[in-house]
Amino acid sequence: MQFLFEIEDVFDISSRGCVLVPGVPDAFRRDVKTGEQLLIVTPQGTYIRTNIAGFEMISRGRPMVHAPFSLPRAVNKASLPVGSKVYLIDATDV
């Protein structure tokens, strides 16, 4: 399991699902693709196992060095507090 980032913001897009920001760092050591498995650990200690539904284009008024992505619509914004840690689950972790 590899740490990706800590959630700074969550956007709920009704037709797409929740988008996590900042997203996968551009400098991450391997390509991350749609469908990859994630583990999100909230500050309260709740575990959410999900996957990347798609990568999104977001303008935050400054150059981005991360790739924000959306989650399946079954995951709601209320369950994704700022400060939650997002981990990429490797095939060897399954």
PDB file of N, CA and C in Angstrom:
ATOM      1  N   MET A   1       0.859  -1.170   0.000  1.00  0.00           N
ATOM      2  CA  MET A   1       0.000   0.000   0.000  1.00  0.00           C
ATOM      3  C   MET A   1       0.906   1.233   0.000  1.00  0.00           C
ATOM      4  N   GLN A   2       0.557   2.218  -0.837  1.00  0.00           N
ATOM      5  CA  GLN A   2       1.362   3.426  -0.970  1.00  0.00           C
ATOM      6  C   GLN A   2       0.520   4.664  -0.678  1.00  0.00           C
ATOM      7  N   PHE A   3       1.062   5.555   0.141  1.00  0.00           N
ATOM      8  CA  PHE A   3       0.379   6.808   0.448  1.00  0.00           C
ATOM      9  C   PHE A   3       0.364   7.682  -0.800  1.00  0.00           C
ATOM     10  N   LEU A   4      -0.810   8.227  -1.142  1.00  0.00           N
ATOM     11  CA  LEU A   4      -0.934   9.135  -2.285  1.00  0.00           C
ATOM     12  C   LEU A   4      -0.991  10.597  -1.840  1.00  0.00           C
ATOM     13  N   PHE A   5      -1.948  10.920  -0.954  1.00  0.00           N
ATOM     14  CA  PHE A   5      -2.113  12.302  -0.528  1.00  0.00           C
ATOM     15  C   PHE A   5      -3.108  12.379   0.619  1.00  0.00           C
ATOM     16  N   GLU A   6      -3.166  13.556   1.229  1.00  0.00           N
ATOM     17  CA  GLU A   6      -4.166  13.870   2.249  1.00  0.00           C
ATOM     18  C   GLU A   6      -5.209  14.764   1.592  1.00  0.00           C
ATOM     19  N   ILE A   7      -6.475  14.452   1.808  1.00  0.00           N
ATOM     20  CA  ILE A   7      -7.562  15.218   1.177  1.00  0.00           C
ATOM     21  C   ILE A   7      -7.569  16.654   1.696  1.00  0.00           C
ATOM     22  N   GLU A   8      -7.508  17.616   0.739  1.00  0.00           N
ATOM     23  CA  GLU A   8      -7.604  19.042   1.054  1.00  0.00           C
ATOM     24  C   GLU A   8      -8.997  19.578   0.780  1.00  0.00           C
ATOM     25  N   ASP A   9      -9.683  18.960  -0.188  1.00  0.00           N
ATOM     26  CA  ASP A   9     -11.016  19.420  -0.553  1.00  0.00           C
ATOM     27  C   ASP A   9     -11.731  18.295  -1.293  1.00  0.00           C
ATOM     28  N   VAL A  10     -13.058  18.327  -1.247  1.00  0.00           N
ATOM     29  CA  VAL A  10     -13.895  17.351  -1.952  1.00  0.00           C
ATOM     30  C   VAL A  10     -14.990  18.117  -2.667  1.00  0.00           C
ATOM     31  N   PHE A  11     -15.147  17.864  -3.954  1.00  0.00           N
ATOM     32  CA  PHE A  11     -16.215  18.465  -4.749  1.00  0.00           C
ATOM     33  C   PHE A  11     -17.212  17.377  -5.095  1.00  0.00           C
ATOM     34  N   ASP A  12     -18.478  17.639  -4.865  1.00  0.00           N
ATOM     35  CA  ASP A  12     -19.516  16.674  -5.210  1.00  0.00           C
ATOM     36  C   ASP A  12     -20.152  17.109  -6.526  1.00  0.00           C
ATOM     37  N   ILE A  13     -19.891  16.364  -7.581  1.00  0.00           N
ATOM     38  CA  ILE A  13     -20.440  16.663  -8.897  1.00  0.00           C
ATOM     39  C   ILE A  13     -21.532  15.637  -9.164  1.00  0.00           C
ATOM     40  N   SER A  14     -22.775  16.096  -9.245  1.00  0.00           N
ATOM     41  CA  SER A  14     -23.920  15.179  -9.282  1.00  0.00           C
ATOM     42  C   SER A  14     -23.835  14.137 -10.393  1.00  0.00           C
ATOM     43  N   SER A  15     -23.318  14.500 -11.534  1.00  0.00           N
ATOM     44  CA  SER A  15     -23.265  13.536 -12.633  1.00  0.00           C
ATOM     45  C   SER A  15     -22.017  12.663 -12.621  1.00  0.00           C
ATOM     46  N   ARG A  16     -21.033  12.984 -11.758  1.00  0.00           N
ATOM     47  CA  ARG A  16     -19.749  12.275 -11.767  1.00  0.00           C
ATOM     48  C   ARG A  16     -19.426  11.587 -10.449  1.00  0.00           C
ATOM     49  N   GLY A  17     -19.828  12.143  -9.337  1.00  0.00           N
ATOM     50  CA  GLY A  17     -19.442  11.632  -8.027  1.00  0.00           C
ATOM     51  C   GLY A  17     -18.532  12.624  -7.330  1.00  0.00           C
ATOM     52  N   CYS A  18     -17.892  12.201  -6.262  1.00  0.00           N
ATOM     53  CA  CYS A  18     -16.998  13.070  -5.501  1.00  0.00           C
ATOM     54  C   CYS A  18     -15.628  13.122  -6.166  1.00  0.00           C
ATOM     55  N   VAL A  19     -15.081  14.332  -6.232  1.00  0.00           N
ATOM     56  CA  VAL A  19     -13.737  14.536  -6.768  1.00  0.00           C
ATOM     57  C   VAL A  19     -12.831  14.906  -5.601  1.00  0.00           C
ATOM     58  N   LEU A  20     -11.730  14.183  -5.460  1.00  0.00           N
ATOM     59  CA  LEU A  20     -10.786  14.425  -4.376  1.00  0.00           C
ATOM     60  C   LEU A  20      -9.652  15.312  -4.861  1.00  0.00           C
ATOM     61  N   VAL A  21      -9.306  16.292  -4.025  1.00  0.00           N
ATOM     62  CA  VAL A  21      -8.231  17.233  -4.330  1.00  0.00           C
ATOM     63  C   VAL A  21      -7.257  17.217  -3.166  1.00  0.00           C
ATOM     64  N   PRO A  22      -5.942  17.145  -3.384  1.00  0.00           N
ATOM     65  CA  PRO A  22      -5.284  17.494  -4.619  1.00  0.00           C
ATOM     66  C   PRO A  22      -5.243  16.382  -5.660  1.00  0.00           C
ATOM     67  N   GLY A  23      -5.189  15.129  -5.299  1.00  0.00           N
ATOM     68  CA  GLY A  23      -5.136  14.038  -6.271  1.00  0.00           C
ATOM     69  C   GLY A  23      -3.765  13.393  -6.328  1.00  0.00           C
ATOM     70  N   VAL A  24      -3.562  12.574  -7.337  1.00  0.00           N
ATOM     71  CA  VAL A  24      -2.304  11.837  -7.490  1.00  0.00           C
ATOM     72  C   VAL A  24      -1.194  12.825  -7.855  1.00  0.00           C
ATOM     73  N   PRO A  25      -0.099  12.848  -7.087  1.00  0.00           N
ATOM     74  CA  PRO A  25       1.008  13.751  -7.419  1.00  0.00           C
ATOM     75  C   PRO A  25       1.622  13.412  -8.778  1.00  0.00           C
ATOM     76  N   ASP A  26       1.956  14.444  -9.559  1.00  0.00           N
ATOM     77  CA  ASP A  26       2.607  14.213 -10.851  1.00  0.00           C
ATOM     78  C   ASP A  26       3.916  13.456 -10.685  1.00  0.00           C
ATOM     79  N   ALA A  27       4.580  13.647  -9.550  1.00  0.00           N
ATOM     80  CA  ALA A  27       5.882  13.015  -9.312  1.00  0.00           C
ATOM     81  C   ALA A  27       5.759  11.592  -8.743  1.00  0.00           C
ATOM     82  N   PHE A  28       4.530  11.068  -8.657  1.00  0.00           N
ATOM     83  CA  PHE A  28       4.360   9.711  -8.132  1.00  0.00           C
ATOM     84  C   PHE A  28       5.152   8.748  -8.993  1.00  0.00           C
ATOM     85  N   ARG A  29       5.733   7.738  -8.384  1.00  0.00           N
ATOM     86  CA  ARG A  29       6.725   6.895  -9.074  1.00  0.00           C
ATOM     87  C   ARG A  29       6.172   5.898 -10.082  1.00  0.00           C
ATOM     88  N   ARG A  30       4.860   5.845 -10.259  1.00  0.00           N
ATOM     89  CA  ARG A  30       4.307   4.965 -11.286  1.00  0.00           C
ATOM     90  C   ARG A  30       2.989   5.529 -11.787  1.00  0.00           C
ATOM     91  N   ASP A  31       2.570   5.069 -12.966  1.00  0.00           N
ATOM     92  CA  ASP A  31       1.298   5.507 -13.521  1.00  0.00           C
ATOM     93  C   ASP A  31       0.154   4.969 -12.676  1.00  0.00           C
ATOM     94  N   VAL A  32      -0.839   5.804 -12.451  1.00  0.00           N
ATOM     95  CA  VAL A  32      -2.044   5.404 -11.732  1.00  0.00           C
ATOM     96  C   VAL A  32      -3.193   5.543 -12.721  1.00  0.00           C
ATOM     97  N   LYS A  33      -4.022   4.514 -12.803  1.00  0.00           N
ATOM     98  CA  LYS A  33      -5.066   4.470 -13.828  1.00  0.00           C
ATOM     99  C   LYS A  33      -6.470   4.371 -13.215  1.00  0.00           C
ATOM    100  N   THR A  34      -7.447   4.677 -14.040  1.00  0.00           N
ATOM    101  CA  THR A  34      -8.844   4.486 -13.654  1.00  0.00           C
ATOM    102  C   THR A  34      -9.052   3.029 -13.255  1.00  0.00           C
ATOM    103  N   GLY A  35      -9.823   2.807 -12.201  1.00  0.00           N
ATOM    104  CA  GLY A  35     -10.115   1.461 -11.732  1.00  0.00           C
ATOM    105  C   GLY A  35      -9.200   0.989 -10.615  1.00  0.00           C
ATOM    106  N   GLU A  36      -8.087   1.695 -10.397  1.00  0.00           N
ATOM    107  CA  GLU A  36      -7.159   1.266  -9.343  1.00  0.00           C
ATOM    108  C   GLU A  36      -7.853   1.345  -7.978  1.00  0.00           C
ATOM    109  N   GLN A  37      -7.514   0.401  -7.118  1.00  0.00           N
ATOM    110  CA  GLN A  37      -8.118   0.283  -5.795  1.00  0.00           C
ATOM    111  C   GLN A  37      -7.479   1.259  -4.814  1.00  0.00           C
ATOM    112  N   LEU A  38      -8.319   1.836  -3.949  1.00  0.00           N
ATOM    113  CA  LEU A  38      -7.880   2.808  -2.953  1.00  0.00           C
ATOM    114  C   LEU A  38      -8.358   2.416  -1.565  1.00  0.00           C
ATOM    115  N   LEU A  39      -7.620   2.872  -0.577  1.00  0.00           N
ATOM    116  CA  LEU A  39      -8.068   2.813   0.808  1.00  0.00           C
ATOM    117  C   LEU A  39      -8.003   4.234   1.332  1.00  0.00           C
ATOM    118  N   ILE A  40      -9.119   4.717   1.863  1.00  0.00           N
ATOM    119  CA  ILE A  40      -9.173   6.058   2.448  1.00  0.00           C
ATOM    120  C   ILE A  40      -9.372   5.887   3.941  1.00  0.00           C
ATOM    121  N   VAL A  41      -8.510   6.532   4.731  1.00  0.00           N
ATOM    122  CA  VAL A  41      -8.587   6.453   6.184  1.00  0.00           C
ATOM    123  C   VAL A  41      -8.929   7.842   6.699  1.00  0.00           C
ATOM    124  N   THR A  42     -10.102   7.964   7.324  1.00  0.00           N
ATOM    125  CA  THR A  42     -10.546   9.265   7.833  1.00  0.00           C
ATOM    126  C   THR A  42      -9.839   9.576   9.151  1.00  0.00           C
ATOM    127  N   PRO A  43      -9.837  10.855   9.555  1.00  0.00           N
ATOM    128  CA  PRO A  43      -9.240  11.214  10.841  1.00  0.00           C
ATOM    129  C   PRO A  43      -9.898  10.493  12.024  1.00  0.00           C
ATOM    130  N   GLN A  44     -11.160  10.057  11.853  1.00  0.00           N
ATOM    131  CA  GLN A  44     -11.863   9.329  12.921  1.00  0.00           C
ATOM    132  C   GLN A  44     -11.502   7.849  12.937  1.00  0.00           C
ATOM    133  N   GLY A  45     -10.711   7.402  11.954  1.00  0.00           N
ATOM    134  CA  GLY A  45     -10.291   6.005  11.897  1.00  0.00           C
ATOM    135  C   GLY A  45     -11.181   5.107  11.055  1.00  0.00           C
ATOM    136  N   THR A  46     -12.125   5.680  10.324  1.00  0.00           N
ATOM    137  CA  THR A  46     -12.983   4.908   9.433  1.00  0.00           C
ATOM    138  C   THR A  46     -12.206   4.553   8.170  1.00  0.00           C
ATOM    139  N   TYR A  47     -12.400   3.331   7.670  1.00  0.00           N
ATOM    140  CA  TYR A  47     -11.751   2.872   6.445  1.00  0.00           C
ATOM    141  C   TYR A  47     -12.791   2.796   5.331  1.00  0.00           C
ATOM    142  N   ILE A  48     -12.449   3.361   4.187  1.00  0.00           N
ATOM    143  CA  ILE A  48     -13.305   3.289   3.003  1.00  0.00           C
ATOM    144  C   ILE A  48     -12.486   2.658   1.891  1.00  0.00           C
ATOM    145  N   ARG A  49     -12.958   1.538   1.400  1.00  0.00           N
ATOM    146  CA  ARG A  49     -12.279   0.890   0.271  1.00  0.00           C
ATOM    147  C   ARG A  49     -13.088   1.192  -0.984  1.00  0.00           C
ATOM    148  N   THR A  50     -12.426   1.750  -1.988  1.00  0.00           N
ATOM    149  CA  THR A  50     -13.104   2.176  -3.210  1.00  0.00           C
ATOM    150  C   THR A  50     -12.121   2.111  -4.367  1.00  0.00           C
ATOM    151  N   ASN A  51     -12.449   2.758  -5.463  1.00  0.00           N
ATOM    152  CA  ASN A  51     -11.547   2.784  -6.614  1.00  0.00           C
ATOM    153  C   ASN A  51     -11.657   4.123  -7.343  1.00  0.00           C
ATOM    154  N   ILE A  52     -10.702   4.380  -8.226  1.00  0.00           N
ATOM    155  CA  ILE A  52     -10.703   5.599  -9.022  1.00  0.00           C
ATOM    156  C   ILE A  52     -11.696   5.420 -10.166  1.00  0.00           C
ATOM    157  N   ALA A  53     -12.706   6.302 -10.222  1.00  0.00           N
ATOM    158  CA  ALA A  53     -13.712   6.217 -11.285  1.00  0.00           C
ATOM    159  C   ALA A  53     -13.253   6.954 -12.539  1.00  0.00           C
ATOM    160  N   GLY A  54     -12.526   8.048 -12.379  1.00  0.00           N
ATOM    161  CA  GLY A  54     -12.048   8.809 -13.531  1.00  0.00           C
ATOM    162  C   GLY A  54     -11.210   9.984 -13.078  1.00  0.00           C
ATOM    163  N   PHE A  55     -10.360  10.473 -13.955  1.00  0.00           N
ATOM    164  CA  PHE A  55      -9.545  11.649 -13.650  1.00  0.00           C
ATOM    165  C   PHE A  55     -10.266  12.885 -14.147  1.00  0.00           C
ATOM    166  N   GLU A  56     -10.121  13.984 -13.410  1.00  0.00           N
ATOM    167  CA  GLU A  56     -10.889  15.201 -13.670  1.00  0.00           C
ATOM    168  C   GLU A  56      -9.980  16.382 -13.959  1.00  0.00           C
ATOM    169  N   MET A  57     -10.524  17.345 -14.695  1.00  0.00           N
ATOM    170  CA  MET A  57      -9.831  18.605 -14.974  1.00  0.00           C
ATOM    171  C   MET A  57     -10.447  19.674 -14.075  1.00  0.00           C
ATOM    172  N   ILE A  58      -9.644  20.219 -13.174  1.00  0.00           N
ATOM    173  CA  ILE A  58     -10.119  21.249 -12.243  1.00  0.00           C
ATOM    174  C   ILE A  58      -9.158  22.420 -12.295  1.00  0.00           C
ATOM    175  N   SER A  59      -9.688  23.632 -12.331  1.00  0.00           N
ATOM    176  CA  SER A  59      -8.857  24.826 -12.286  1.00  0.00           C
ATOM    177  C   SER A  59      -8.993  25.450 -10.904  1.00  0.00           C
ATOM    178  N   ARG A  60      -7.880  25.544 -10.191  1.00  0.00           N
ATOM    179  CA  ARG A  60      -7.892  26.147  -8.862  1.00  0.00           C
ATOM    180  C   ARG A  60      -7.188  27.499  -8.852  1.00  0.00           C
ATOM    181  N   GLY A  61      -6.946  28.061 -10.041  1.00  0.00           N
ATOM    182  CA  GLY A  61      -6.340  29.377 -10.111  1.00  0.00           C
ATOM    183  C   GLY A  61      -4.828  29.373 -10.011  1.00  0.00           C
ATOM    184  N   ARG A  62      -4.215  28.222  -9.929  1.00  0.00           N
ATOM    185  CA  ARG A  62      -2.760  28.123  -9.888  1.00  0.00           C
ATOM    186  C   ARG A  62      -2.357  26.814 -10.576  1.00  0.00           C
ATOM    187  N   PRO A  63      -1.125  26.744 -11.049  1.00  0.00           N
ATOM    188  CA  PRO A  63      -0.704  25.494 -11.698  1.00  0.00           C
ATOM    189  C   PRO A  63      -0.845  24.303 -10.751  1.00  0.00           C
ATOM    190  N   MET A  64      -1.310  23.190 -11.292  1.00  0.00           N
ATOM    191  CA  MET A  64      -1.496  21.997 -10.470  1.00  0.00           C
ATOM    192  C   MET A  64      -0.388  20.999 -10.743  1.00  0.00           C
ATOM    193  N   VAL A  65       0.071  20.360  -9.701  1.00  0.00           N
ATOM    194  CA  VAL A  65       1.093  19.316  -9.826  1.00  0.00           C
ATOM    195  C   VAL A  65       0.518  17.980  -9.350  1.00  0.00           C
ATOM    196  N   HIS A  66      -0.813  17.905  -9.386  1.00  0.00           N
ATOM    197  CA  HIS A  66      -1.543  16.702  -8.997  1.00  0.00           C
ATOM    198  C   HIS A  66      -2.642  16.445 -10.027  1.00  0.00           C
ATOM    199  N   ALA A  67      -3.129  15.219 -10.059  1.00  0.00           N
ATOM    200  CA  ALA A  67      -4.242  14.859 -10.938  1.00  0.00           C
ATOM    201  C   ALA A  67      -5.452  14.494 -10.074  1.00  0.00           C
ATOM    202  N   PRO A  68      -6.411  15.420  -9.902  1.00  0.00           N
ATOM    203  CA  PRO A  68      -7.618  15.103  -9.136  1.00  0.00           C
ATOM    204  C   PRO A  68      -8.401  13.991  -9.820  1.00  0.00           C
ATOM    205  N   PHE A  69      -9.117  13.204  -9.025  1.00  0.00           N
ATOM    206  CA  PHE A  69      -9.912  12.120  -9.606  1.00  0.00           C
ATOM    207  C   PHE A  69     -11.233  11.979  -8.880  1.00  0.00           C
ATOM    208  N   SER A  70     -12.176  11.328  -9.545  1.00  0.00           N
ATOM    209  CA  SER A  70     -13.490  11.082  -8.951  1.00  0.00           C
ATOM    210  C   SER A  70     -13.571   9.650  -8.449  1.00  0.00           C
ATOM    211  N   LEU A  71     -14.507   9.462  -7.526  1.00  0.00           N
ATOM    212  CA  LEU A  71     -14.804   8.152  -6.962  1.00  0.00           C
ATOM    213  C   LEU A  71     -16.160   7.699  -7.484  1.00  0.00           C
ATOM    214  N   PRO A  72     -16.489   6.431  -7.343  1.00  0.00           N
ATOM    215  CA  PRO A  72     -17.837   5.978  -7.726  1.00  0.00           C
ATOM    216  C   PRO A  72     -18.899   6.776  -6.963  1.00  0.00           C
ATOM    217  N   ARG A  73     -20.051   6.965  -7.583  1.00  0.00           N
ATOM    218  CA  ARG A  73     -21.109   7.788  -6.979  1.00  0.00           C
ATOM    219  C   ARG A  73     -21.639   7.232  -5.665  1.00  0.00           C
ATOM    220  N   ALA A  74     -21.384   5.976  -5.371  1.00  0.00           N
ATOM    221  CA  ALA A  74     -21.847   5.392  -4.106  1.00  0.00           C
ATOM    222  C   ALA A  74     -21.113   5.978  -2.896  1.00  0.00           C
ATOM    223  N   VAL A  75     -19.948   6.591  -3.115  1.00  0.00           N
ATOM    224  CA  VAL A  75     -19.191   7.216  -2.026  1.00  0.00           C
ATOM    225  C   VAL A  75     -19.639   8.665  -1.938  1.00  0.00           C
ATOM    226  N   ASN A  76     -20.115   9.082  -0.750  1.00  0.00           N
ATOM    227  CA  ASN A  76     -20.639  10.448  -0.636  1.00  0.00           C
ATOM    228  C   ASN A  76     -19.659  11.386   0.066  1.00  0.00           C
ATOM    229  N   LYS A  77     -19.838  12.668  -0.191  1.00  0.00           N
ATOM    230  CA  LYS A  77     -18.948  13.702   0.327  1.00  0.00           C
ATOM    231  C   LYS A  77     -18.881  13.696   1.853  1.00  0.00           C
ATOM    232  N   ALA A  78     -19.980  13.440   2.508  1.00  0.00           N
ATOM    233  CA  ALA A  78     -20.016  13.464   3.974  1.00  0.00           C
ATOM    234  C   ALA A  78     -19.071  12.433   4.594  1.00  0.00           C
ATOM    235  N   SER A  79     -18.772  11.364   3.864  1.00  0.00           N
ATOM    236  CA  SER A  79     -17.888  10.324   4.402  1.00  0.00           C
ATOM    237  C   SER A  79     -16.416  10.586   4.116  1.00  0.00           C
ATOM    238  N   LEU A  80     -16.101  11.736   3.477  1.00  0.00           N
ATOM    239  CA  LEU A  80     -14.734  12.053   3.046  1.00  0.00           C
ATOM    240  C   LEU A  80     -14.255  13.371   3.660  1.00  0.00           C
ATOM    241  N   PRO A  81     -14.010  13.417   4.971  1.00  0.00           N
ATOM    242  CA  PRO A  81     -13.599  14.685   5.575  1.00  0.00           C
ATOM    243  C   PRO A  81     -12.197  15.115   5.147  1.00  0.00           C
ATOM    244  N   VAL A  82     -11.999  16.432   5.116  1.00  0.00           N
ATOM    245  CA  VAL A  82     -10.672  16.985   4.875  1.00  0.00           C
ATOM    246  C   VAL A  82      -9.724  16.387   5.916  1.00  0.00           C
ATOM    247  N   GLY A  83      -8.521  16.053   5.486  1.00  0.00           N
ATOM    248  CA  GLY A  83      -7.542  15.432   6.381  1.00  0.00           C
ATOM    249  C   GLY A  83      -7.490  13.924   6.266  1.00  0.00           C
ATOM    250  N   SER A  84      -8.455  13.329   5.538  1.00  0.00           N
ATOM    251  CA  SER A  84      -8.418  11.878   5.317  1.00  0.00           C
ATOM    252  C   SER A  84      -7.200  11.551   4.467  1.00  0.00           C
ATOM    253  N   LYS A  85      -6.617  10.394   4.708  1.00  0.00           N
ATOM    254  CA  LYS A  85      -5.436   9.956   3.962  1.00  0.00           C
ATOM    255  C   LYS A  85      -5.850   8.934   2.909  1.00  0.00           C
ATOM    256  N   VAL A  86      -5.317   9.104   1.691  1.00  0.00           N
ATOM    257  CA  VAL A  86      -5.663   8.253   0.564  1.00  0.00           C
ATOM    258  C   VAL A  86      -4.458   7.392   0.204  1.00  0.00           C
ATOM    259  N   TYR A  87      -4.682   6.082   0.137  1.00  0.00           N
ATOM    260  CA  TYR A  87      -3.628   5.122  -0.171  1.00  0.00           C
ATOM    261  C   TYR A  87      -4.000   4.333  -1.421  1.00  0.00           C
ATOM    262  N   LEU A  88      -3.004   4.039  -2.238  1.00  0.00           N
ATOM    263  CA  LEU A  88      -3.161   3.180  -3.394  1.00  0.00           C
ATOM    264  C   LEU A  88      -2.893   1.766  -2.937  1.00  0.00           C
ATOM    265  N   ILE A  89      -3.840   0.854  -3.228  1.00  0.00           N
ATOM    266  CA  ILE A  89      -3.671  -0.542  -2.852  1.00  0.00           C
ATOM    267  C   ILE A  89      -2.971  -1.261  -3.983  1.00  0.00           C
ATOM    268  N   ASP A  90      -1.834  -1.838  -3.712  1.00  0.00           N
ATOM    269  CA  ASP A  90      -1.085  -2.611  -4.705  1.00  0.00           C
ATOM    270  C   ASP A  90      -1.731  -3.972  -4.883  1.00  0.00           C
ATOM    271  N   ALA A  91      -1.509  -4.571  -6.036  1.00  0.00           N
ATOM    272  CA  ALA A  91      -2.051  -5.910  -6.303  1.00  0.00           C
ATOM    273  C   ALA A  91      -1.552  -6.908  -5.264  1.00  0.00           C
ATOM    274  N   THR A  92      -0.381  -6.694  -4.705  1.00  0.00           N
ATOM    275  CA  THR A  92       0.158  -7.605  -3.697  1.00  0.00           C
ATOM    276  C   THR A  92      -0.518  -7.421  -2.343  1.00  0.00           C
ATOM    277  N   ASP A  93      -1.269  -6.317  -2.168  1.00  0.00           N
ATOM    278  CA  ASP A  93      -1.970  -6.055  -0.891  1.00  0.00           C
ATOM    279  C   ASP A  93      -3.321  -6.765  -0.820  1.00  0.00           C
ATOM    280  N   VAL A  94      -3.829  -7.242  -1.964  1.00  0.00           N
ATOM    281  CA  VAL A  94      -5.183  -7.790  -2.022  1.00  0.00           C
ATOM    282  C   VAL A  94      -5.236  -9.155  -1.423  1.00  0.00           C
TER     283      VAL A  94
END
